[in-house]
Amino acid sequence: MAEKNNAAAGAVKTPWYARLFGFDPSVNKVRTEIIAGVTTFLTMAYILAVNPNIFSALAEKGMPTSAVFTATALAAIVGTLVMALYAKKPFGLAPGMGLNAFFVFTVCLAMGYSWQFALTAVFIEGLLFIILTLTNVRKMIVDAIPLGLKKAIGVGIGLYIAFIGLKNAGIVVSSEATSVALGNFADKAVLLALGTFLFTSLLVVLKVKGALLIGILVSTLVGIPLGVTHLAGVISAPPSVKPIFLQFEWSQVFSWNMLAVVITFLFIDMFDTIGTVVGVSEKSGMVDKDGNVEGISKILMADAVATVAGAAFGTSTTTTYIESASGVSEGGRTGLTAFVIAVCFGIALLFSPLFLAIPTAATGPILVIVGVMMTASVADIKWDDYSEAIPAFITMIMMPMAYSISEGIMLGMVTYVVINACSGKARKVSVSLWILAALFVARYIYMAVS
């Protein structure tokens, strides 16, 4: 009887958010999850400025840029809430970089389709993702990736986001002669970024809690007198999303053109998401001994639902963000982190001038430090076995070089199949991996001839 009473007492003491967000009070701390959520948001917040900027190229085609800002925030809120409440994982979602550029510059401008056509393709892609997730096809794809490549994905993403951070901060710039070069160290923004990197690195070395968040906030404040942080007000009502809400074009839904665009969105989104989830989960320890991600089906479902919602609001594919690694590095492990991210995006709708004032000089260096944190699993790759090492290296190096997580994964997997099949180690290659490699090769052939 006493045992039952103790059990009942324990049940009563269990916080409501423990059940809601997958929070374990004996392991997780509310303060840590909140800091992690805010940190991830601050490293993601640039999308609120960048996404409308990219879509401004479609203004002449009748797509209002201001409405895209609101659609971006709403897509992030809905997607991240699903991640928080359903998947109960610490990942933030928003319209994906690369996917938005493909939407605008390839589908609409280069191929000449309307933005309504492109939104319809994204919507269909999201529905297909839901079906693939319900039938566990997406989970099968994740599980088909060899353990060595899973380790390489995390390292590759670390290199990729470090490169993004260096470019965003102006520390590395484009060069016609050498592709990339050092930026102008006389530039105040670059100097602020370098100072932010060193200051935040010192906090990390000293194990200061919330080091990444402190680095972002201090850098933003220091940037005000330097003229790097530009405040253009504090509060502003969000623009109406009505002009682009549910603006689908069904006239070509069964055409080959629609199929080609949908499949392309599908490939890019699928492997960007898989790479992000595997890489960040590997870093946070949310994997089993075989490298399989815990709760992967629910994570992928949240991503699929977010894509459908994003298309309905009027923006490009919504996906899980690699910047989630910054919050995970701060200790975020549950859906409470994701919930905080969603709340921050909601606040950003009302205080957009304030949040958009955070300069890339403040967030870029943080991505570099997170990149360092994500490369630890490089030691787990079997470098003395070249049938494992070469595909792993291709996976890692091609992510920053091709500026694409998905390309790195696909090229790495094709390399893995070819090398092992031709060196008498075909038994290492699963049937699922053979099928995926064949699809990737077909994709590259299609790209070459089209």
Protein backbone atom coordinates (compact mmCIF):
# COMPACT_ATOMS: atom_id res chain seq x y z
CA MET A 1 0.00 0.00 0.00
CA ALA A 2 2.84 2.34 0.95
CA GLU A 3 4.58 1.59 -2.36
CA LYS A 4 1.42 2.53 -4.27
CA ASN A 5 1.16 5.79 -2.36
CA ASN A 6 4.82 6.59 -3.08
CA ALA A 7 4.28 5.83 -6.75
CA ALA A 8 1.22 8.04 -6.83
CA ALA A 9 3.12 10.82 -5.11
CA GLY A 10 5.91 10.51 -7.65
CA ALA A 11 3.40 10.69 -10.47
CA VAL A 12 1.86 13.85 -9.03
CA LYS A 13 5.27 15.51 -8.75
CA THR A 14 6.05 14.86 -12.41
CA PRO A 15 5.94 18.26 -14.14
CA TRP A 16 3.36 18.66 -16.92
CA TYR A 17 6.06 19.64 -19.37
CA ALA A 18 7.86 16.35 -18.79
CA ARG A 19 5.10 14.48 -20.61
CA LEU A 20 4.52 17.23 -23.13
CA PHE A 21 8.12 17.65 -24.29
CA GLY A 22 9.76 14.32 -23.41
CA PHE A 23 11.52 16.06 -20.52
CA ASP A 24 13.18 13.99 -17.79
CA PRO A 25 13.61 16.16 -14.64
CA SER A 26 16.30 13.82 -13.35
CA VAL A 27 18.43 14.39 -16.45
CA ASN A 28 17.29 17.60 -18.18
CA LYS A 29 17.20 21.11 -16.77
CA VAL A 30 14.66 23.75 -17.75
CA ARG A 31 17.25 26.55 -17.75
CA THR A 32 19.54 24.56 -20.05
CA GLU A 33 16.71 23.81 -22.49
CA ILE A 34 15.65 27.47 -22.57
CA ILE A 35 19.19 28.69 -23.22
CA ALA A 36 19.58 26.03 -25.92
CA GLY A 37 16.34 27.10 -27.59
CA VAL A 38 17.22 30.79 -27.59
CA THR A 39 20.72 30.00 -28.86
CA THR A 40 19.39 27.95 -31.76
CA PHE A 41 16.87 30.64 -32.61
CA LEU A 42 19.52 33.35 -32.69
CA THR A 43 21.65 31.29 -35.08
CA MET A 44 18.54 30.63 -37.23
CA ALA A 45 17.09 34.13 -37.09
CA TYR A 46 18.96 35.21 -40.20
CA ILE A 47 16.40 33.27 -42.29
CA LEU A 48 13.81 35.93 -41.39
CA ALA A 49 15.93 38.42 -43.33
CA VAL A 50 17.53 36.17 -45.95
CA ASN A 51 14.42 34.32 -47.15
CA PRO A 52 12.41 37.47 -48.03
CA ASN A 53 15.54 38.88 -49.65
CA ILE A 54 15.84 35.85 -51.94
CA PHE A 55 12.13 35.91 -52.76
CA SER A 56 12.34 39.61 -53.60
CA ALA A 57 13.55 38.43 -57.04
CA LEU A 58 9.95 37.32 -57.65
CA ALA A 59 8.42 40.69 -56.78
CA GLU A 60 8.03 41.50 -60.47
CA LYS A 61 6.13 38.23 -60.85
CA GLY A 62 3.61 39.41 -58.26
CA MET A 63 4.93 37.72 -55.11
CA PRO A 64 5.04 40.34 -52.32
CA THR A 65 8.31 40.18 -50.38
CA SER A 66 6.79 41.47 -47.13
CA ALA A 67 4.31 38.58 -47.06
CA VAL A 68 7.20 36.12 -47.40
CA PHE A 69 8.64 37.41 -44.10
CA THR A 70 5.44 36.47 -42.29
CA ALA A 71 5.18 33.15 -44.13
CA THR A 72 8.76 32.33 -43.14
CA ALA A 73 8.08 32.93 -39.46
CA LEU A 74 4.75 31.05 -39.50
CA ALA A 75 6.30 28.05 -41.25
CA ALA A 76 9.07 27.98 -38.66
CA ILE A 77 6.58 28.23 -35.79
CA VAL A 78 4.29 25.43 -37.01
CA GLY A 79 7.12 23.09 -38.00
CA THR A 80 9.06 23.58 -34.78
CA LEU A 81 5.94 23.15 -32.63
CA VAL A 82 5.26 19.80 -34.30
CA MET A 83 8.88 18.86 -33.57
CA ALA A 84 8.46 19.92 -29.94
CA LEU A 85 5.11 18.30 -29.19
CA TYR A 86 5.13 15.25 -31.47
CA ALA A 87 8.76 14.26 -31.99
CA LYS A 88 9.88 15.83 -28.67
CA LYS A 89 13.35 16.61 -30.05
CA PRO A 90 15.49 19.80 -29.82
CA PHE A 91 15.44 20.69 -33.52
CA GLY A 92 14.34 23.94 -35.09
CA LEU A 93 12.70 24.10 -38.52
CA ALA A 94 12.38 26.88 -41.07
CA PRO A 95 12.43 27.35 -44.86
CA GLY A 96 15.68 25.78 -45.99
CA MET A 97 18.61 27.60 -47.50
CA GLY A 98 19.45 26.22 -50.92
CA LEU A 99 15.91 24.99 -51.31
CA ASN A 100 14.68 28.59 -51.37
CA ALA A 101 17.30 29.49 -53.98
CA PHE A 102 16.26 26.49 -56.11
CA PHE A 103 12.62 27.61 -55.81
CA VAL A 104 13.31 31.19 -56.90
CA PHE A 105 16.26 31.13 -59.25
CA THR A 106 15.86 27.72 -60.88
CA VAL A 107 12.15 26.83 -60.93
CA CYS A 108 10.72 30.35 -61.30
CA LEU A 109 13.41 32.36 -63.06
CA ALA A 110 15.52 29.88 -65.05
CA MET A 111 12.73 27.40 -65.89
CA GLY A 112 10.09 30.12 -66.20
CA TYR A 113 7.36 28.66 -63.98
CA SER A 114 5.11 30.80 -61.80
CA TRP A 115 5.67 30.99 -58.06
CA GLN A 116 2.24 29.42 -57.64
CA PHE A 117 3.47 26.42 -59.66
CA ALA A 118 6.54 26.16 -57.41
CA LEU A 119 4.44 26.36 -54.24
CA THR A 120 2.28 23.54 -55.58
CA ALA A 121 5.38 21.42 -56.17
CA VAL A 122 6.54 22.02 -52.59
CA PHE A 123 3.07 21.15 -51.28
CA ILE A 124 3.01 17.87 -53.25
CA GLU A 125 6.54 17.08 -52.10
CA GLY A 126 5.45 17.50 -48.49
CA LEU A 127 2.50 15.16 -48.98
CA LEU A 128 4.82 12.57 -50.54
CA PHE A 129 7.14 12.92 -47.55
CA ILE A 130 4.26 12.21 -45.19
CA ILE A 131 3.43 9.05 -47.15
CA LEU A 132 7.08 7.94 -47.26
CA THR A 133 7.37 8.53 -43.52
CA LEU A 134 4.15 6.68 -42.66
CA THR A 135 5.36 3.70 -44.69
CA ASN A 136 8.80 3.90 -42.99
CA VAL A 137 10.55 4.35 -46.34
CA ARG A 138 12.44 7.40 -45.06
CA LYS A 139 13.52 5.48 -41.95
CA MET A 140 14.74 2.64 -44.16
CA ILE A 141 16.84 5.12 -46.09
CA VAL A 142 18.39 6.48 -42.89
CA ASP A 143 19.07 2.98 -41.57
CA ALA A 144 20.64 1.97 -44.91
CA ILE A 145 23.48 4.47 -44.44
CA PRO A 146 26.59 2.60 -43.16
CA LEU A 147 27.86 3.56 -39.70
CA GLY A 148 31.09 5.02 -41.10
CA LEU A 149 29.16 7.33 -43.41
CA LYS A 150 26.87 8.37 -40.54
CA LYS A 151 29.96 9.43 -38.60
CA ALA A 152 31.24 11.25 -41.70
CA ILE A 153 27.93 13.07 -42.16
CA GLY A 154 28.28 14.71 -38.74
CA VAL A 155 31.86 15.77 -39.50
CA GLY A 156 30.93 17.00 -42.97
CA ILE A 157 28.10 19.09 -41.60
CA GLY A 158 30.52 20.55 -39.08
CA LEU A 159 32.84 21.62 -41.91
CA TYR A 160 29.86 22.86 -43.92
CA ILE A 161 28.38 25.10 -41.23
CA ALA A 162 31.85 26.34 -40.25
CA PHE A 163 32.33 27.41 -43.87
CA ILE A 164 28.92 29.09 -43.87
CA GLY A 165 29.83 30.88 -40.65
CA LEU A 166 33.16 32.09 -42.05
CA LYS A 167 31.47 33.42 -45.21
CA ASN A 168 28.59 35.04 -43.31
CA ALA A 169 31.07 36.77 -41.03
CA GLY A 170 33.17 38.02 -43.96
CA ILE A 171 36.26 36.21 -42.70
CA VAL A 172 36.25 34.21 -45.93
CA VAL A 173 35.11 35.79 -49.21
CA SER A 174 34.67 34.70 -52.82
CA SER A 175 37.58 35.08 -55.22
CA GLU A 176 37.67 34.68 -59.00
CA ALA A 177 41.34 33.68 -58.87
CA THR A 178 41.29 31.18 -55.98
CA SER A 179 37.56 30.54 -55.40
CA VAL A 180 37.88 31.70 -51.79
CA ALA A 181 40.18 34.11 -49.97
CA LEU A 182 40.55 35.92 -46.67
CA GLY A 183 38.23 38.86 -46.13
CA ASN A 184 39.19 42.44 -45.38
CA PHE A 185 40.47 42.49 -41.81
CA ALA A 186 40.19 46.27 -41.76
CA ASP A 187 36.41 45.95 -42.04
CA LYS A 188 34.69 46.65 -38.71
CA ALA A 189 32.25 43.77 -39.20
CA VAL A 190 35.09 41.32 -39.83
CA LEU A 191 37.01 42.60 -36.79
CA LEU A 192 33.86 42.19 -34.68
CA ALA A 193 33.46 38.64 -36.01
CA LEU A 194 37.06 37.79 -35.14
CA GLY A 195 36.63 39.27 -31.67
CA THR A 196 33.38 37.33 -31.23
CA PHE A 197 35.09 34.10 -32.25
CA LEU A 198 37.99 34.55 -29.80
CA PHE A 199 35.75 35.77 -26.95
CA THR A 200 33.23 32.95 -27.37
CA SER A 201 35.97 30.35 -27.82
CA LEU A 202 37.45 31.45 -24.49
CA LEU A 203 34.04 31.07 -22.81
CA VAL A 204 33.72 27.57 -24.28
CA VAL A 205 37.21 26.59 -23.08
CA LEU A 206 36.36 27.88 -19.61
CA LYS A 207 33.09 25.85 -19.77
CA VAL A 208 30.88 28.89 -19.16
CA LYS A 209 27.22 27.86 -19.34
CA GLY A 210 25.42 29.52 -22.22
CA ALA A 211 28.72 30.49 -23.84
CA LEU A 212 27.35 30.61 -27.39
CA LEU A 213 24.35 32.72 -26.41
CA ILE A 214 26.52 35.11 -24.41
CA GLY A 215 28.83 35.47 -27.39
CA ILE A 216 25.94 36.38 -29.72
CA LEU A 217 24.43 38.91 -27.31
CA VAL A 218 27.72 40.62 -26.41
CA SER A 219 28.72 40.83 -30.07
CA THR A 220 25.37 42.37 -31.02
CA LEU A 221 25.70 45.03 -28.31
CA VAL A 222 29.32 45.82 -29.20
CA GLY A 223 28.24 46.14 -32.83
CA ILE A 224 25.95 49.10 -32.07
CA PRO A 225 28.66 51.75 -31.50
CA LEU A 226 30.74 50.18 -34.30
CA GLY A 227 27.90 50.68 -36.76
CA VAL A 228 27.67 46.94 -37.46
CA THR A 229 24.43 46.40 -35.56
CA HIS A 230 21.69 48.54 -37.09
CA LEU A 231 18.54 49.13 -35.06
CA ALA A 232 15.58 50.27 -37.17
CA GLY A 233 12.96 50.36 -34.48
CA VAL A 234 11.68 47.75 -32.06
CA ILE A 235 8.06 46.80 -32.69
CA SER A 236 6.35 46.30 -36.03
CA ALA A 237 3.09 44.53 -36.91
CA PRO A 238 3.74 41.55 -39.22
CA PRO A 239 2.70 42.02 -42.86
CA SER A 240 -0.35 40.08 -44.05
CA VAL A 241 0.30 36.63 -45.50
CA LYS A 242 -3.01 36.66 -47.40
CA PRO A 243 -1.56 37.42 -50.89
CA ILE A 244 0.45 34.16 -50.90
CA PHE A 245 -1.63 31.95 -48.60
CA LEU A 246 -2.88 28.74 -50.32
CA GLN A 247 -1.93 30.14 -53.72
CA PHE A 248 -1.59 26.84 -55.59
CA GLU A 249 -1.70 26.19 -59.34
CA TRP A 250 -3.27 22.82 -60.13
CA SER A 251 -3.45 23.09 -63.94
CA GLN A 252 -0.10 21.29 -64.46
CA VAL A 253 -0.23 18.98 -61.46
CA PHE A 254 -0.08 15.82 -63.62
CA SER A 255 2.51 17.12 -66.08
CA TRP A 256 6.06 15.83 -66.54
CA ASN A 257 7.30 19.31 -65.68
CA MET A 258 5.63 19.15 -62.28
CA LEU A 259 6.99 15.64 -61.68
CA ALA A 260 10.56 16.74 -62.44
CA VAL A 261 10.36 19.70 -60.07
CA VAL A 262 8.71 17.68 -57.30
CA ILE A 263 11.33 14.91 -57.53
CA THR A 264 14.16 17.44 -57.39
CA PHE A 265 12.67 19.10 -54.31
CA LEU A 266 12.17 15.63 -52.83
CA PHE A 267 15.80 14.57 -53.27
CA ILE A 268 17.31 17.78 -51.94
CA ASP A 269 14.98 18.02 -48.96
CA MET A 270 15.21 14.34 -48.03
CA PHE A 271 18.97 14.19 -47.83
CA ASP A 272 19.42 17.64 -46.34
CA THR A 273 17.06 16.58 -43.54
CA ILE A 274 18.58 13.13 -43.10
CA GLY A 275 22.07 14.62 -43.00
CA THR A 276 21.07 17.26 -40.48
CA VAL A 277 19.20 14.86 -38.18
CA VAL A 278 21.89 12.18 -38.27
CA GLY A 279 24.71 14.68 -37.80
CA VAL A 280 23.15 16.60 -34.91
CA SER A 281 21.83 13.42 -33.24
CA GLU A 282 25.29 11.88 -33.47
CA LYS A 283 26.72 14.92 -31.75
CA SER A 284 24.11 14.90 -28.97
CA GLY A 285 24.26 11.17 -28.29
CA MET A 286 20.69 10.55 -29.46
CA VAL A 287 21.76 7.44 -31.36
CA ASP A 288 22.07 3.77 -30.50
CA LYS A 289 25.25 1.68 -30.72
CA ASP A 290 24.69 1.17 -34.46
CA GLY A 291 24.34 4.89 -35.08
CA ASN A 292 20.56 4.77 -35.61
CA VAL A 293 18.70 7.92 -34.55
CA GLU A 294 16.20 7.55 -31.73
CA GLY A 295 12.66 8.49 -32.76
CA ILE A 296 13.68 9.12 -36.36
CA SER A 297 10.20 8.42 -37.75
CA LYS A 298 8.61 11.15 -35.65
CA ILE A 299 11.39 13.59 -36.50
CA LEU A 300 10.90 12.98 -40.20
CA MET A 301 7.13 13.28 -39.85
CA ALA A 302 7.51 16.66 -38.18
CA ASP A 303 9.71 17.74 -41.09
CA ALA A 304 7.16 16.51 -43.64
CA VAL A 305 4.23 18.26 -41.95
CA ALA A 306 6.30 21.45 -41.76
CA THR A 307 6.89 21.35 -45.51
CA VAL A 308 3.17 21.09 -46.21
CA ALA A 309 2.43 23.94 -43.79
CA GLY A 310 5.19 26.11 -45.27
CA ALA A 311 3.82 25.67 -48.79
CA ALA A 312 0.34 26.58 -47.55
CA PHE A 313 1.66 29.78 -45.95
CA GLY A 314 3.50 30.67 -49.15
CA THR A 315 7.18 29.79 -48.80
CA SER A 316 9.67 27.18 -49.99
CA THR A 317 10.40 23.82 -48.39
CA THR A 318 10.57 23.93 -44.60
CA THR A 319 13.24 21.66 -43.19
CA THR A 320 15.17 20.76 -40.05
CA TYR A 321 17.96 23.28 -39.50
CA ILE A 322 21.59 22.39 -39.04
CA GLU A 323 21.85 25.42 -36.73
CA SER A 324 20.02 23.22 -34.22
CA ALA A 325 23.51 21.94 -33.45
CA SER A 326 24.23 25.22 -31.63
CA GLY A 327 21.40 24.56 -29.15
CA VAL A 328 22.34 20.90 -28.82
CA SER A 329 25.88 22.02 -28.00
CA GLU A 330 24.39 24.09 -25.17
CA GLY A 331 22.75 20.97 -23.75
CA GLY A 332 19.31 21.00 -25.44
CA ARG A 333 17.95 17.47 -25.65
CA THR A 334 14.15 17.61 -25.52
CA GLY A 335 11.11 19.13 -27.17
CA LEU A 336 11.27 22.01 -24.69
CA THR A 337 14.22 23.38 -26.65
CA ALA A 338 12.17 23.26 -29.85
CA PHE A 339 9.21 24.88 -28.09
CA VAL A 340 11.41 27.80 -27.01
CA ILE A 341 12.60 28.17 -30.62
CA ALA A 342 8.97 28.34 -31.81
CA VAL A 343 8.11 30.93 -29.15
CA CYS A 344 11.08 33.04 -30.24
CA PHE A 345 9.89 32.97 -33.85
CA GLY A 346 6.47 34.06 -32.61
CA ILE A 347 8.02 36.98 -30.74
CA ALA A 348 10.05 37.82 -33.84
CA LEU A 349 6.81 38.43 -35.73
CA LEU A 350 6.08 41.34 -33.41
CA PHE A 351 9.63 42.54 -32.81
CA SER A 352 11.06 41.90 -36.24
CA PRO A 353 13.24 45.07 -36.39
CA LEU A 354 14.92 44.08 -33.13
CA PHE A 355 15.63 40.46 -34.04
CA LEU A 356 16.71 41.28 -37.56
CA ALA A 357 19.30 43.64 -36.11
CA ILE A 358 21.50 40.72 -34.97
CA PRO A 359 24.41 40.90 -37.41
CA THR A 360 26.05 37.95 -39.14
CA ALA A 361 29.24 39.12 -37.44
CA ALA A 362 27.61 37.82 -34.24
CA THR A 363 26.18 34.53 -35.51
CA GLY A 364 28.83 33.53 -38.07
CA PRO A 365 31.61 32.87 -35.53
CA ILE A 366 29.20 30.79 -33.43
CA LEU A 367 28.64 28.47 -36.39
CA VAL A 368 32.41 28.02 -36.70
CA ILE A 369 32.66 26.95 -33.04
CA VAL A 370 29.73 24.59 -33.46
CA GLY A 371 31.51 23.17 -36.51
CA VAL A 372 34.49 22.37 -34.28
CA MET A 373 32.20 20.61 -31.81
CA MET A 374 30.67 18.47 -34.56
CA THR A 375 33.93 17.09 -35.92
CA ALA A 376 34.72 14.95 -32.87
CA SER A 377 33.30 11.80 -34.47
CA VAL A 378 36.02 11.90 -37.14
CA ALA A 379 38.07 9.77 -34.73
CA ASP A 380 35.49 6.97 -34.98
CA ILE A 381 35.95 6.49 -38.73
CA LYS A 382 38.11 3.51 -39.74
CA TRP A 383 40.85 5.47 -41.50
CA ASP A 384 43.01 2.35 -41.92
CA ASP A 385 40.27 0.72 -44.03
CA TYR A 386 40.19 2.66 -47.28
CA SER A 387 36.90 1.09 -48.35
CA GLU A 388 35.43 3.04 -45.41
CA ALA A 389 37.81 6.01 -45.34
CA ILE A 390 37.49 7.15 -48.97
CA PRO A 391 33.65 7.28 -49.06
CA ALA A 392 33.69 8.96 -45.63
CA PHE A 393 36.15 11.59 -46.87
CA ILE A 394 34.12 12.25 -50.02
CA THR A 395 31.01 12.71 -47.84
CA MET A 396 32.80 15.18 -45.60
CA ILE A 397 34.66 17.22 -48.19
CA MET A 398 31.84 17.51 -50.73
CA MET A 399 29.40 19.12 -48.29
CA PRO A 400 31.33 22.41 -48.04
CA MET A 401 32.80 22.14 -51.55
CA ALA A 402 29.40 21.56 -53.23
CA TYR A 403 27.74 23.82 -50.63
CA SER A 404 25.16 21.08 -50.08
CA ILE A 405 24.60 18.49 -47.37
CA SER A 406 22.54 16.33 -49.71
CA GLU A 407 25.19 16.26 -52.47
CA GLY A 408 27.82 15.17 -49.96
CA ILE A 409 25.65 12.31 -48.76
CA MET A 410 24.70 11.14 -52.24
CA LEU A 411 28.24 11.24 -53.62
CA GLY A 412 29.55 9.52 -50.51
CA MET A 413 27.01 6.71 -50.79
CA VAL A 414 27.68 6.17 -54.51
CA THR A 415 31.42 6.05 -53.79
CA TYR A 416 30.84 3.55 -50.98
CA VAL A 417 28.84 1.20 -53.22
CA VAL A 418 31.24 1.39 -56.17
CA ILE A 419 34.42 0.90 -54.13
CA ASN A 420 33.10 -1.97 -52.03
CA ALA A 421 31.37 -3.69 -54.94
CA CYS A 422 34.50 -3.55 -57.10
CA SER A 423 36.91 -4.59 -54.37
CA GLY A 424 35.25 -7.87 -53.44
CA LYS A 425 33.31 -6.45 -50.49
CA ALA A 426 29.87 -6.36 -52.06
CA ARG A 427 28.39 -8.16 -49.03
CA LYS A 428 28.84 -4.95 -47.03
CA VAL A 429 26.38 -3.19 -49.32
CA SER A 430 22.72 -3.60 -48.37
CA VAL A 431 19.95 -3.94 -50.94
CA SER A 432 18.58 -0.57 -49.85
CA LEU A 433 21.96 1.05 -50.44
CA TRP A 434 22.21 -0.49 -53.93
CA ILE A 435 18.81 0.97 -54.80
CA LEU A 436 19.70 4.40 -53.44
CA ALA A 437 23.02 4.49 -55.28
CA ALA A 438 21.29 3.55 -58.53
CA LEU A 439 18.77 6.37 -58.04
CA PHE A 440 21.55 8.86 -57.32
CA VAL A 441 23.47 7.85 -60.43
CA ALA A 442 20.27 8.18 -62.48
CA ARG A 443 19.77 11.65 -61.00
CA TYR A 444 23.26 12.78 -62.00
CA ILE A 445 22.81 11.37 -65.50
CA TYR A 446 19.51 13.25 -65.80
CA MET A 447 21.20 16.46 -64.64
CA ALA A 448 23.99 15.96 -67.20
CA VAL A 449 21.72 15.48 -70.20
CA SER A 450 18.96 17.93 -69.30
